[in-house]
Amino acid sequence: GIRVTELATAEAFYARLGFRRDPDEFSAADRACGLVHPTGLRLHLIYN
């Protein structure tokens, strides 16, 4: 889990590293966005 200030900026940065949003790991209520890499690595952006 990585705490970030702005979801769009962080998601764009991690997309450059190959991570994509996992729609099953997104919670607006919890302000958490799961990302997955083609290798199976996972990150959660905590955008609060």
All heavy atoms as atom14 arrays in JSON, in Angstrom:
{
  "sequence": "GIRVTELATAEAFYARLGFRRDPDEFSAADRACGLVHPTGLRLHLIYN",
  "atom14_mask": [
    [1, 1, 1, 1, 0, 0, 0, 0, 0, 0, 0, 0, 0, 0],
    [1, 1, 1, 1, 1, 1, 1, 1, 0, 0, 0, 0, 0, 0],
    [1, 1, 1, 1, 1, 1, 1, 1, 1, 1, 1, 0, 0, 0],
    [1, 1, 1, 1, 1, 1, 1, 0, 0, 0, 0, 0, 0, 0],
    [1, 1, 1, 1, 1, 1, 1, 0, 0, 0, 0, 0, 0, 0],
    [1, 1, 1, 1, 1, 1, 1, 1, 1, 0, 0, 0, 0, 0],
    [1, 1, 1, 1, 1, 1, 1, 1, 0, 0, 0, 0, 0, 0],
    [1, 1, 1, 1, 1, 0, 0, 0, 0, 0, 0, 0, 0, 0],
    [1, 1, 1, 1, 1, 1, 1, 0, 0, 0, 0, 0, 0, 0],
    [1, 1, 1, 1, 1, 0, 0, 0, 0, 0, 0, 0, 0, 0],
    [1, 1, 1, 1, 1, 1, 1, 1, 1, 0, 0, 0, 0, 0],
    [1, 1, 1, 1, 1, 0, 0, 0, 0, 0, 0, 0, 0, 0],
    [1, 1, 1, 1, 1, 1, 1, 1, 1, 1, 1, 0, 0, 0],
    [1, 1, 1, 1, 1, 1, 1, 1, 1, 1, 1, 1, 0, 0],
    [1, 1, 1, 1, 1, 0, 0, 0, 0, 0, 0, 0, 0, 0],
    [1, 1, 1, 1, 1, 1, 1, 1, 1, 1, 1, 0, 0, 0],
    [1, 1, 1, 1, 1, 1, 1, 1, 0, 0, 0, 0, 0, 0],
    [1, 1, 1, 1, 0, 0, 0, 0, 0, 0, 0, 0, 0, 0],
    [1, 1, 1, 1, 1, 1, 1, 1, 1, 1, 1, 0, 0, 0],
    [1, 1, 1, 1, 1, 1, 1, 1, 1, 1, 1, 0, 0, 0],
    [1, 1, 1, 1, 1, 1, 1, 1, 1, 1, 1, 0, 0, 0],
    [1, 1, 1, 1, 1, 1, 1, 1, 0, 0, 0, 0, 0, 0],
    [1, 1, 1, 1, 1, 1, 1, 0, 0, 0, 0, 0, 0, 0],
    [1, 1, 1, 1, 1, 1, 1, 1, 0, 0, 0, 0, 0, 0],
    [1, 1, 1, 1, 1, 1, 1, 1, 1, 0, 0, 0, 0, 0],
    [1, 1, 1, 1, 1, 1, 1, 1, 1, 1, 1, 0, 0, 0],
    [1, 1, 1, 1, 1, 1, 0, 0, 0, 0, 0, 0, 0, 0],
    [1, 1, 1, 1, 1, 0, 0, 0, 0, 0, 0, 0, 0, 0],
    [1, 1, 1, 1, 1, 0, 0, 0, 0, 0, 0, 0, 0, 0],
    [1, 1, 1, 1, 1, 1, 1, 1, 0, 0, 0, 0, 0, 0],
    [1, 1, 1, 1, 1, 1, 1, 1, 1, 1, 1, 0, 0, 0],
    [1, 1, 1, 1, 1, 0, 0, 0, 0, 0, 0, 0, 0, 0],
    [1, 1, 1, 1, 1, 1, 0, 0, 0, 0, 0, 0, 0, 0],
    [1, 1, 1, 1, 0, 0, 0, 0, 0, 0, 0, 0, 0, 0],
    [1, 1, 1, 1, 1, 1, 1, 1, 0, 0, 0, 0, 0, 0],
    [1, 1, 1, 1, 1, 1, 1, 0, 0, 0, 0, 0, 0, 0],
    [1, 1, 1, 1, 1, 1, 1, 1, 1, 1, 0, 0, 0, 0],
    [1, 1, 1, 1, 1, 1, 1, 0, 0, 0, 0, 0, 0, 0],
    [1, 1, 1, 1, 1, 1, 1, 0, 0, 0, 0, 0, 0, 0],
    [1, 1, 1, 1, 0, 0, 0, 0, 0, 0, 0, 0, 0, 0],
    [1, 1, 1, 1, 1, 1, 1, 1, 0, 0, 0, 0, 0, 0],
    [1, 1, 1, 1, 1, 1, 1, 1, 1, 1, 1, 0, 0, 0],
    [1, 1, 1, 1, 1, 1, 1, 1, 0, 0, 0, 0, 0, 0],
    [1, 1, 1, 1, 1, 1, 1, 1, 1, 1, 0, 0, 0, 0],
    [1, 1, 1, 1, 1, 1, 1, 1, 0, 0, 0, 0, 0, 0],
    [1, 1, 1, 1, 1, 1, 1, 1, 0, 0, 0, 0, 0, 0],
    [1, 1, 1, 1, 1, 1, 1, 1, 1, 1, 1, 1, 0, 0],
    [1, 1, 1, 1, 1, 1, 1, 1, 0, 0, 0, 0, 0, 0]
  ],
  "atom14_positions": [
    [[0.84, -1.19, 0.0], [0.0, 0.0, 0.0], [0.87, 1.24, 0.0], [1.8, 1.35, 0.8], [0.0, 0.0, 0.0], [0.0, 0.0, 0.0], [0.0, 0.0, 0.0], [0.0, 0.0, 0.0], [0.0, 0.0, 0.0], [0.0, 0.0, 0.0], [0.0, 0.0, 0.0], [0.0, 0.0, 0.0], [0.0, 0.0, 0.0], [0.0, 0.0, 0.0]],
    [[0.58, 2.16, -0.91], [1.36, 3.39, -1.04], [0.41, 4.58, -0.93], [-0.51, 4.72, -1.73], [2.11, 3.43, -2.39], [3.06, 2.22, -2.49], [2.87, 4.74, -2.55], [3.75, 2.07, -3.83], [0.0, 0.0, 0.0], [0.0, 0.0, 0.0], [0.0, 0.0, 0.0], [0.0, 0.0, 0.0], [0.0, 0.0, 0.0], [0.0, 0.0, 0.0]],
    [[0.64, 5.42, 0.06], [-0.22, 6.6, 0.26], [0.2, 7.68, -0.74], [1.38, 8.01, -0.85], [-0.11, 7.13, 1.68], [-1.14, 8.23, 1.97], [-1.17, 8.61, 3.44], [-1.15, 7.47, 4.33], [-2.22, 6.77, 4.73], [-3.41, 7.08, 4.3], [-2.09, 5.75, 5.54], [0.0, 0.0, 0.0], [0.0, 0.0, 0.0], [0.0, 0.0, 0.0]],
    [[-0.79, 8.23, -1.44], [-0.54, 9.27, -2.44], [-1.53, 10.42, -2.21], [-2.53, 10.27, -1.52], [-0.67, 8.71, -3.88], [0.37, 7.61, -4.12], [-2.07, 8.21, -4.18], [0.0, 0.0, 0.0], [0.0, 0.0, 0.0], [0.0, 0.0, 0.0], [0.0, 0.0, 0.0], [0.0, 0.0, 0.0], [0.0, 0.0, 0.0], [0.0, 0.0, 0.0]],
    [[-1.23, 11.56, -2.83], [-2.09, 12.72, -2.65], [-3.15, 12.84, -3.75], [-4.25, 13.29, -3.49], [-1.27, 14.03, -2.63], [-0.5, 14.11, -3.82], [-0.36, 14.06, -1.41], [0.0, 0.0, 0.0], [0.0, 0.0, 0.0], [0.0, 0.0, 0.0], [0.0, 0.0, 0.0], [0.0, 0.0, 0.0], [0.0, 0.0, 0.0], [0.0, 0.0, 0.0]],
    [[-2.81, 12.44, -4.95], [-3.73, 12.58, -6.08], [-3.74, 11.3, -6.9], [-2.72, 10.92, -7.47], [-3.31, 13.77, -6.93], [-4.27, 14.07, -8.05], [-3.83, 15.27, -8.86], [-3.84, 16.39, -8.31], [-3.47, 15.06, -10.03], [0.0, 0.0, 0.0], [0.0, 0.0, 0.0], [0.0, 0.0, 0.0], [0.0, 0.0, 0.0], [0.0, 0.0, 0.0]],
    [[-4.89, 10.66, -6.97], [-4.98, 9.37, -7.64], [-4.57, 9.44, -9.11], [-3.79, 8.61, -9.57], [-6.41, 8.8, -7.52], [-6.63, 7.47, -8.23], [-5.69, 6.39, -7.71], [-8.08, 7.05, -8.11], [0.0, 0.0, 0.0], [0.0, 0.0, 0.0], [0.0, 0.0, 0.0], [0.0, 0.0, 0.0], [0.0, 0.0, 0.0], [0.0, 0.0, 0.0]],
    [[-5.07, 10.39, -9.85], [-4.79, 10.45, -11.29], [-3.29, 10.57, -11.57], [-2.75, 9.89, -12.45], [-5.55, 11.59, -11.95], [0.0, 0.0, 0.0], [0.0, 0.0, 0.0], [0.0, 0.0, 0.0], [0.0, 0.0, 0.0], [0.0, 0.0, 0.0], [0.0, 0.0, 0.0], [0.0, 0.0, 0.0], [0.0, 0.0, 0.0], [0.0, 0.0, 0.0]],
    [[-2.61, 11.42, -10.83], [-1.17, 11.61, -11.02], [-0.4, 10.34, -10.67], [0.47, 9.91, -11.42], [-0.67, 12.79, -10.16], [-1.38, 13.96, -10.54], [0.82, 13.0, -10.32], [0.0, 0.0, 0.0], [0.0, 0.0, 0.0], [0.0, 0.0, 0.0], [0.0, 0.0, 0.0], [0.0, 0.0, 0.0], [0.0, 0.0, 0.0], [0.0, 0.0, 0.0]],
    [[-0.73, 9.74, -9.54], [-0.04, 8.52, -9.12], [-0.33, 7.37, -10.07], [0.58, 6.62, -10.46], [-0.45, 8.15, -7.7], [0.0, 0.0, 0.0], [0.0, 0.0, 0.0], [0.0, 0.0, 0.0], [0.0, 0.0, 0.0], [0.0, 0.0, 0.0], [0.0, 0.0, 0.0], [0.0, 0.0, 0.0], [0.0, 0.0, 0.0], [0.0, 0.0, 0.0]],
    [[-1.58, 7.23, -10.46], [-1.95, 6.13, -11.36], [-1.23, 6.27, -12.71], [-0.75, 5.29, -13.26], [-3.46, 6.11, -11.55], [-3.97, 4.86, -12.21], [-5.48, 4.75, -12.2], [-6.19, 5.68, -11.75], [-5.97, 3.7, -12.65], [0.0, 0.0, 0.0], [0.0, 0.0, 0.0], [0.0, 0.0, 0.0], [0.0, 0.0, 0.0], [0.0, 0.0, 0.0]],
    [[-1.1, 7.5, -13.21], [-0.38, 7.73, -14.47], [1.09, 7.36, -14.33], [1.68, 6.76, -15.23], [-0.54, 9.18, -14.91], [0.0, 0.0, 0.0], [0.0, 0.0, 0.0], [0.0, 0.0, 0.0], [0.0, 0.0, 0.0], [0.0, 0.0, 0.0], [0.0, 0.0, 0.0], [0.0, 0.0, 0.0], [0.0, 0.0, 0.0], [0.0, 0.0, 0.0]],
    [[1.7, 7.71, -13.19], [3.11, 7.38, -12.96], [3.3, 5.87, -12.93], [4.18, 5.32, -13.6], [3.61, 8.0, -11.65], [5.01, 7.61, -11.31], [6.09, 8.27, -11.87], [5.26, 6.56, -10.43], [7.4, 7.89, -11.57], [6.56, 6.18, -10.11], [7.63, 6.85, -10.69], [0.0, 0.0, 0.0], [0.0, 0.0, 0.0], [0.0, 0.0, 0.0]],
    [[2.49, 5.17, -12.15], [2.65, 3.72, -12.03], [2.27, 3.0, -13.31], [2.8, 1.91, -13.6], [1.9, 3.2, -10.8], [2.63, 3.56, -9.52], [2.28, 4.69, -8.78], [3.71, 2.81, -9.1], [2.99, 5.04, -7.64], [4.43, 3.16, -7.95], [4.06, 4.28, -7.23], [4.77, 4.62, -6.1], [0.0, 0.0, 0.0], [0.0, 0.0, 0.0]],
    [[1.41, 3.61, -14.12], [1.1, 3.03, -15.44], [2.36, 3.03, -16.32], [2.58, 2.1, -17.1], [-0.02, 3.81, -16.11], [0.0, 0.0, 0.0], [0.0, 0.0, 0.0], [0.0, 0.0, 0.0], [0.0, 0.0, 0.0], [0.0, 0.0, 0.0], [0.0, 0.0, 0.0], [0.0, 0.0, 0.0], [0.0, 0.0, 0.0], [0.0, 0.0, 0.0]],
    [[3.19, 4.04, -16.18], [4.46, 4.08, -16.93], [5.36, 2.91, -16.54], [6.17, 2.45, -17.34], [5.17, 5.41, -16.7], [4.42, 6.58, -17.32], [4.9, 7.91, -16.83], [6.27, 8.22, -17.26], [6.98, 9.23, -16.77], [6.47, 10.03, -15.85], [8.21, 9.45, -17.19], [0.0, 0.0, 0.0], [0.0, 0.0, 0.0], [0.0, 0.0, 0.0]],
    [[5.22, 2.43, -15.3], [5.99, 1.26, -14.84], [5.3, -0.06, -15.18], [5.78, -1.12, -14.82], [6.22, 1.35, -13.33], [7.03, 2.55, -12.83], [7.06, 2.58, -11.31], [8.45, 2.52, -13.4], [0.0, 0.0, 0.0], [0.0, 0.0, 0.0], [0.0, 0.0, 0.0], [0.0, 0.0, 0.0], [0.0, 0.0, 0.0], [0.0, 0.0, 0.0]],
    [[4.15, 0.01, -15.85], [3.46, -1.19, -16.3], [2.27, -1.61, -15.47], [1.63, -2.62, -15.77], [0.0, 0.0, 0.0], [0.0, 0.0, 0.0], [0.0, 0.0, 0.0], [0.0, 0.0, 0.0], [0.0, 0.0, 0.0], [0.0, 0.0, 0.0], [0.0, 0.0, 0.0], [0.0, 0.0, 0.0], [0.0, 0.0, 0.0], [0.0, 0.0, 0.0]],
    [[1.93, -0.86, -14.43], [0.79, -1.21, -13.58], [-0.51, -0.67, -14.16], [-0.54, 0.45, -14.67], [0.99, -0.64, -12.16], [2.05, -1.35, -11.38], [3.38, -0.93, -11.45], [1.74, -2.44, -10.57], [4.37, -1.57, -10.73], [2.72, -3.08, -9.85], [4.04, -2.67, -9.93], [0.0, 0.0, 0.0], [0.0, 0.0, 0.0], [0.0, 0.0, 0.0]],
    [[-1.56, -1.46, -14.06], [-2.88, -1.06, -14.55], [-3.91, -1.23, -13.42], [-3.77, -2.11, -12.58], [-3.32, -1.92, -15.74], [-2.4, -1.81, -16.94], [-2.52, -0.43, -17.6], [-1.63, -0.31, -18.74], [-0.5, 0.39, -18.75], [-0.1, 1.03, -17.67], [0.23, 0.48, -19.84], [0.0, 0.0, 0.0], [0.0, 0.0, 0.0], [0.0, 0.0, 0.0]],
    [[-4.95, -0.43, -13.48], [-6.0, -0.5, -12.46], [-6.69, -1.86, -12.53], [-7.04, -2.35, -13.59], [-7.04, 0.59, -12.67], [-8.12, 0.59, -11.58], [-9.17, 1.63, -11.8], [-8.62, 2.95, -11.52], [-9.38, 4.01, -11.29], [-10.7, 3.91, -11.31], [-8.83, 5.18, -11.05], [0.0, 0.0, 0.0], [0.0, 0.0, 0.0], [0.0, 0.0, 0.0]],
    [[-6.89, -2.45, -11.35], [-7.67, -3.66, -11.22], [-9.06, -3.23, -10.78], [-9.24, -2.81, -9.64], [-7.04, -4.6, -10.19], [-7.8, -5.9, -10.01], [-8.95, -5.99, -10.48], [-7.24, -6.82, -9.39], [0.0, 0.0, 0.0], [0.0, 0.0, 0.0], [0.0, 0.0, 0.0], [0.0, 0.0, 0.0], [0.0, 0.0, 0.0], [0.0, 0.0, 0.0]],
    [[-10.06, -3.33, -11.68], [-11.4, -2.84, -11.32], [-12.01, -3.54, -10.11], [-12.87, -2.98, -9.43], [-12.24, -3.08, -12.58], [-11.43, -3.95, -13.45], [-10.01, -3.88, -13.0], [0.0, 0.0, 0.0], [0.0, 0.0, 0.0], [0.0, 0.0, 0.0], [0.0, 0.0, 0.0], [0.0, 0.0, 0.0], [0.0, 0.0, 0.0], [0.0, 0.0, 0.0]],
    [[-11.54, -4.75, -9.81], [-12.05, -5.47, -8.64], [-11.4, -4.99, -7.34], [-11.8, -5.41, -6.26], [-11.81, -6.97, -8.8], [-12.61, -7.57, -9.95], [-13.71, -7.05, -10.23], [-12.12, -8.52, -10.56], [0.0, 0.0, 0.0], [0.0, 0.0, 0.0], [0.0, 0.0, 0.0], [0.0, 0.0, 0.0], [0.0, 0.0, 0.0], [0.0, 0.0, 0.0]],
    [[-10.39, -4.15, -7.45], [-9.65, -3.66, -6.27], [-9.73, -2.14, -6.18], [-8.74, -1.46, -5.93], [-8.19, -4.1, -6.35], [-7.98, -5.59, -6.24], [-8.16, -6.1, -4.82], [-7.96, -5.33, -3.87], [-8.49, -7.28, -4.68], [0.0, 0.0, 0.0], [0.0, 0.0, 0.0], [0.0, 0.0, 0.0], [0.0, 0.0, 0.0], [0.0, 0.0, 0.0]],
    [[-10.9, -1.59, -6.42], [-11.09, -0.15, -6.34], [-12.23, 0.14, -5.37], [-13.29, -0.47, -5.46], [-11.43, 0.45, -7.71], [-11.61, 1.94, -7.68], [-10.51, 2.77, -7.71], [-12.87, 2.5, -7.57], [-10.67, 4.16, -7.66], [-13.04, 3.88, -7.51], [-11.94, 4.71, -7.56], [0.0, 0.0, 0.0], [0.0, 0.0, 0.0], [0.0, 0.0, 0.0]],
    [[-11.99, 1.06, -4.43], [-13.02, 1.43, -3.47], [-12.97, 2.94, -3.25], [-12.08, 3.43, -2.55], [-12.8, 0.7, -2.15], [-13.68, 1.22, -1.17], [0.0, 0.0, 0.0], [0.0, 0.0, 0.0], [0.0, 0.0, 0.0], [0.0, 0.0, 0.0], [0.0, 0.0, 0.0], [0.0, 0.0, 0.0], [0.0, 0.0, 0.0], [0.0, 0.0, 0.0]],
    [[-13.92, 3.64, -3.87], [-13.99, 5.09, -3.66], [-14.25, 5.41, -2.19], [-13.72, 6.38, -1.65], [-15.07, 5.69, -4.55], [0.0, 0.0, 0.0], [0.0, 0.0, 0.0], [0.0, 0.0, 0.0], [0.0, 0.0, 0.0], [0.0, 0.0, 0.0], [0.0, 0.0, 0.0], [0.0, 0.0, 0.0], [0.0, 0.0, 0.0], [0.0, 0.0, 0.0]],
    [[-15.05, 4.58, -1.52], [-15.36, 4.81, -0.1], [-14.1, 4.74, 0.76], [-13.93, 5.53, 1.69], [-16.4, 3.8, 0.39], [0.0, 0.0, 0.0], [0.0, 0.0, 0.0], [0.0, 0.0, 0.0], [0.0, 0.0, 0.0], [0.0, 0.0, 0.0], [0.0, 0.0, 0.0], [0.0, 0.0, 0.0], [0.0, 0.0, 0.0], [0.0, 0.0, 0.0]],
    [[-13.22, 3.8, 0.44], [-11.98, 3.65, 1.21], [-10.83, 4.46, 0.63], [-9.73, 4.46, 1.18], [-11.56, 2.17, 1.25], [-12.55, 1.32, 2.02], [-13.14, 1.83, 3.01], [-12.74, 0.16, 1.63], [0.0, 0.0, 0.0], [0.0, 0.0, 0.0], [0.0, 0.0, 0.0], [0.0, 0.0, 0.0], [0.0, 0.0, 0.0], [0.0, 0.0, 0.0]],
    [[-11.07, 5.12, -0.52], [-10.04, 5.88, -1.23], [-8.82, 5.01, -1.5], [-7.69, 5.38, -1.23], [-9.71, 7.16, -0.48], [-10.95, 8.06, -0.32], [-10.68, 9.4, 0.29], [-9.77, 10.23, -0.45], [-10.09, 11.03, -1.48], [-11.31, 11.06, -1.93], [-9.16, 11.78, -2.06], [0.0, 0.0, 0.0], [0.0, 0.0, 0.0], [0.0, 0.0, 0.0]],
    [[-9.1, 3.82, -2.06], [-8.05, 2.85, -2.38], [-8.23, 2.36, -3.8], [-9.35, 2.06, -4.23], [-8.09, 1.68, -1.41], [0.0, 0.0, 0.0], [0.0, 0.0, 0.0], [0.0, 0.0, 0.0], [0.0, 0.0, 0.0], [0.0, 0.0, 0.0], [0.0, 0.0, 0.0], [0.0, 0.0, 0.0], [0.0, 0.0, 0.0], [0.0, 0.0, 0.0]],
    [[-7.13, 2.27, -4.51], [-7.16, 1.83, -5.9], [-6.09, 0.75, -6.09], [-4.9, 1.02, -5.93], [-6.88, 3.01, -6.83], [-6.82, 2.57, -8.58], [0.0, 0.0, 0.0], [0.0, 0.0, 0.0], [0.0, 0.0, 0.0], [0.0, 0.0, 0.0], [0.0, 0.0, 0.0], [0.0, 0.0, 0.0], [0.0, 0.0, 0.0], [0.0, 0.0, 0.0]],
    [[-6.5, -0.46, -6.43], [-5.57, -1.54, -6.66], [-5.02, -1.49, -8.07], [-5.74, -1.24, -9.04], [0.0, 0.0, 0.0], [0.0, 0.0, 0.0], [0.0, 0.0, 0.0], [0.0, 0.0, 0.0], [0.0, 0.0, 0.0], [0.0, 0.0, 0.0], [0.0, 0.0, 0.0], [0.0, 0.0, 0.0], [0.0, 0.0, 0.0], [0.0, 0.0, 0.0]],
    [[-3.71, -1.7, -8.16], [-3.03, -1.77, -9.46], [-2.39, -3.14, -9.57], [-1.93, -3.71, -8.58], [-1.95, -0.7, -9.58], [-2.35, 0.76, -9.38], [-1.13, 1.66, -9.52], [-3.43, 1.17, -10.35], [0.0, 0.0, 0.0], [0.0, 0.0, 0.0], [0.0, 0.0, 0.0], [0.0, 0.0, 0.0], [0.0, 0.0, 0.0], [0.0, 0.0, 0.0]],
    [[-2.32, -3.65, -10.79], [-1.68, -4.94, -11.03], [-0.74, -4.81, -12.22], [-1.02, -4.11, -13.19], [-2.72, -6.07, -11.22], [-3.57, -5.84, -12.46], [-2.06, -7.43, -11.24], [0.0, 0.0, 0.0], [0.0, 0.0, 0.0], [0.0, 0.0, 0.0], [0.0, 0.0, 0.0], [0.0, 0.0, 0.0], [0.0, 0.0, 0.0], [0.0, 0.0, 0.0]],
    [[0.39, -5.47, -12.11], [1.41, -5.51, -13.17], [1.24, -6.81, -13.94], [0.75, -7.8, -13.38], [2.8, -5.45, -12.5], [3.92, -5.22, -13.43], [4.57, -6.26, -14.05], [4.51, -4.08, -13.87], [5.52, -5.78, -14.82], [5.5, -4.45, -14.73], [0.0, 0.0, 0.0], [0.0, 0.0, 0.0], [0.0, 0.0, 0.0], [0.0, 0.0, 0.0]],
    [[1.63, -6.86, -15.21], [1.52, -8.12, -15.96], [2.21, -9.32, -15.29], [1.82, -10.46, -15.51], [2.16, -7.8, -17.31], [2.01, -6.33, -17.46], [2.1, -5.77, -16.07], [0.0, 0.0, 0.0], [0.0, 0.0, 0.0], [0.0, 0.0, 0.0], [0.0, 0.0, 0.0], [0.0, 0.0, 0.0], [0.0, 0.0, 0.0], [0.0, 0.0, 0.0]],
    [[3.2, -9.05, -14.45], [3.89, -10.13, -13.74], [3.1, -10.64, -12.54], [3.51, -11.61, -11.91], [5.26, -9.65, -13.24], [5.06, -8.55, -12.34], [6.17, -9.23, -14.38], [0.0, 0.0, 0.0], [0.0, 0.0, 0.0], [0.0, 0.0, 0.0], [0.0, 0.0, 0.0], [0.0, 0.0, 0.0], [0.0, 0.0, 0.0], [0.0, 0.0, 0.0]],
    [[2.0, -9.96, -12.2], [1.2, -10.34, -11.04], [1.48, -9.5, -9.81], [0.77, -9.62, -8.81], [0.0, 0.0, 0.0], [0.0, 0.0, 0.0], [0.0, 0.0, 0.0], [0.0, 0.0, 0.0], [0.0, 0.0, 0.0], [0.0, 0.0, 0.0], [0.0, 0.0, 0.0], [0.0, 0.0, 0.0], [0.0, 0.0, 0.0], [0.0, 0.0, 0.0]],
    [[2.49, -8.64, -9.84], [2.75, -7.74, -8.71], [1.57, -6.81, -8.51], [0.96, -6.36, -9.48], [4.0, -6.9, -8.97], [5.32, -7.62, -9.03], [6.41, -6.69, -9.55], [5.69, -8.14, -7.65], [0.0, 0.0, 0.0], [0.0, 0.0, 0.0], [0.0, 0.0, 0.0], [0.0, 0.0, 0.0], [0.0, 0.0, 0.0], [0.0, 0.0, 0.0]],
    [[1.27, -6.53, -7.25], [0.12, -5.68, -6.94], [0.54, -4.53, -6.02], [1.36, -4.7, -5.13], [-0.98, -6.48, -6.25], [-1.59, -7.52, -7.16], [-2.77, -8.22, -6.49], [-3.49, -8.96, -7.5], [-4.43, -8.46, -8.31], [-4.77, -7.2, -8.2], [-5.01, -9.21, -9.2], [0.0, 0.0, 0.0], [0.0, 0.0, 0.0], [0.0, 0.0, 0.0]],
    [[-0.07, -3.37, -6.27], [0.06, -2.19, -5.42], [-1.33, -1.68, -5.11], [-2.24, -1.83, -5.93], [0.83, -1.07, -6.13], [2.25, -1.33, -6.59], [2.76, -0.13, -7.38], [3.15, -1.61, -5.4], [0.0, 0.0, 0.0], [0.0, 0.0, 0.0], [0.0, 0.0, 0.0], [0.0, 0.0, 0.0], [0.0, 0.0, 0.0], [0.0, 0.0, 0.0]],
    [[-1.5, -1.08, -3.95], [-2.72, -0.36, -3.64], [-2.34, 1.09, -3.42], [-1.51, 1.39, -2.55], [-3.41, -0.91, -2.4], [-4.13, -2.18, -2.63], [-4.87, -2.81, -1.65], [-4.26, -2.96, -3.72], [-5.41, -3.91, -2.14], [-5.04, -4.02, -3.38], [0.0, 0.0, 0.0], [0.0, 0.0, 0.0], [0.0, 0.0, 0.0], [0.0, 0.0, 0.0]],
    [[-2.93, 1.98, -4.21], [-2.73, 3.4, -4.01], [-3.8, 3.87, -3.04], [-5.0, 3.75, -3.31], [-2.85, 4.15, -5.34], [-1.86, 3.76, -6.42], [-2.12, 4.56, -7.69], [-0.42, 3.93, -5.95], [0.0, 0.0, 0.0], [0.0, 0.0, 0.0], [0.0, 0.0, 0.0], [0.0, 0.0, 0.0], [0.0, 0.0, 0.0], [0.0, 0.0, 0.0]],
    [[-3.38, 4.36, -1.89], [-4.28, 4.91, -0.89], [-4.25, 6.42, -1.1], [-3.28, 7.08, -0.76], [-3.82, 4.54, 0.54], [-3.49, 3.05, 0.66], [-4.86, 4.99, 1.56], [-4.6, 2.11, 0.29], [0.0, 0.0, 0.0], [0.0, 0.0, 0.0], [0.0, 0.0, 0.0], [0.0, 0.0, 0.0], [0.0, 0.0, 0.0], [0.0, 0.0, 0.0]],
    [[-5.31, 6.96, -1.69], [-5.27, 8.35, -2.14], [-5.98, 9.3, -1.18], [-6.92, 10.0, -1.5], [-5.79, 8.5, -3.58], [-7.17, 7.96, -3.87], [-8.26, 8.82, -3.93], [-7.39, 6.62, -4.11], [-9.53, 8.35, -4.22], [-8.65, 6.14, -4.4], [-9.72, 7.01, -4.45], [-10.98, 6.54, -4.73], [0.0, 0.0, 0.0], [0.0, 0.0, 0.0]],
    [[-5.42, 9.36, 0.03], [-5.93, 10.29, 1.04], [-4.81, 11.09, 1.69], [-4.97, 11.65, 2.76], [-6.75, 9.56, 2.11], [-5.93, 8.53, 2.87], [-4.72, 8.41, 2.67], [-6.57, 7.79, 3.75], [0.0, 0.0, 0.0], [0.0, 0.0, 0.0], [0.0, 0.0, 0.0], [0.0, 0.0, 0.0], [0.0, 0.0, 0.0], [0.0, 0.0, 0.0]]
  ]
}
